[in-house]
Protein backbone atom coordinates (compact mmCIF):
# COMPACT_ATOMS: atom_id res chain seq x y z
CA MET A 1 -1.43 6.87 -8.91
CA ALA A 2 0.23 7.96 -5.67
CA ASP A 3 0.86 11.53 -6.90
CA LEU A 4 -2.52 12.84 -5.77
CA ASN A 5 -1.97 16.47 -6.75
CA GLY A 6 -0.34 15.61 -10.09
CA ASP A 7 2.75 17.76 -9.55
CA GLY A 8 5.19 15.00 -10.54
CA ASP A 9 6.61 14.65 -7.02
CA LEU A 10 5.61 12.53 -4.03
CA SER A 11 5.21 14.31 -0.73
CA GLY A 12 5.59 12.42 2.51
CA GLU A 13 1.83 12.51 2.93
CA GLU A 14 1.23 11.09 -0.57
CA ALA A 15 3.81 8.34 -0.06
CA GLY A 16 2.31 7.48 3.31
CA ARG A 17 -1.19 7.26 1.87
CA PHE A 18 0.03 5.03 -0.94
CA ALA A 19 1.84 2.74 1.51
CA GLN A 20 -1.29 2.51 3.68
CA MET A 21 -3.46 1.67 0.67
CA ARG A 22 -0.97 -1.01 -0.42
CA PHE A 23 -0.90 -2.47 3.10
CA GLU A 24 -4.70 -2.56 3.28
CA GLY A 25 -4.82 -4.32 -0.09
CA LEU A 26 -2.40 -7.00 1.10
CA ASP A 27 -4.18 -7.49 4.45
CA THR A 28 -6.81 -9.82 3.01
CA ASN A 29 -8.20 -10.94 6.39
CA HIS A 30 -8.34 -7.31 7.64
CA ASP A 31 -6.59 -7.99 10.96
CA GLU A 32 -4.21 -5.04 10.48
CA GLN A 33 -1.25 -7.41 10.31
CA LEU A 34 0.47 -9.05 7.36
CA ASP A 35 1.33 -12.70 7.71
CA LEU A 36 3.82 -14.28 5.33
CA PRO A 37 1.24 -15.65 2.85
CA GLU A 38 -0.48 -12.25 2.62
CA PHE A 39 2.85 -10.52 2.10
CA GLN A 40 4.00 -13.01 -0.52
CA SER A 41 0.72 -12.86 -2.42
CA GLY A 42 1.35 -9.19 -3.11
CA PHE A 43 4.39 -10.10 -5.19
CA ARG A 44 2.73 -12.89 -7.17
CA ARG A 45 0.01 -10.72 -8.71
């Protein structure tokens, strides 16, 4: 999913985009900060 160009490797840009997407998914109230419940919910799914 994170390997956008399908070459089997993750570039820094691809890893950064994936991390940003993951962060945005965890930030359920969209305040650009993760509180403990938001962070923990990401590991319960």
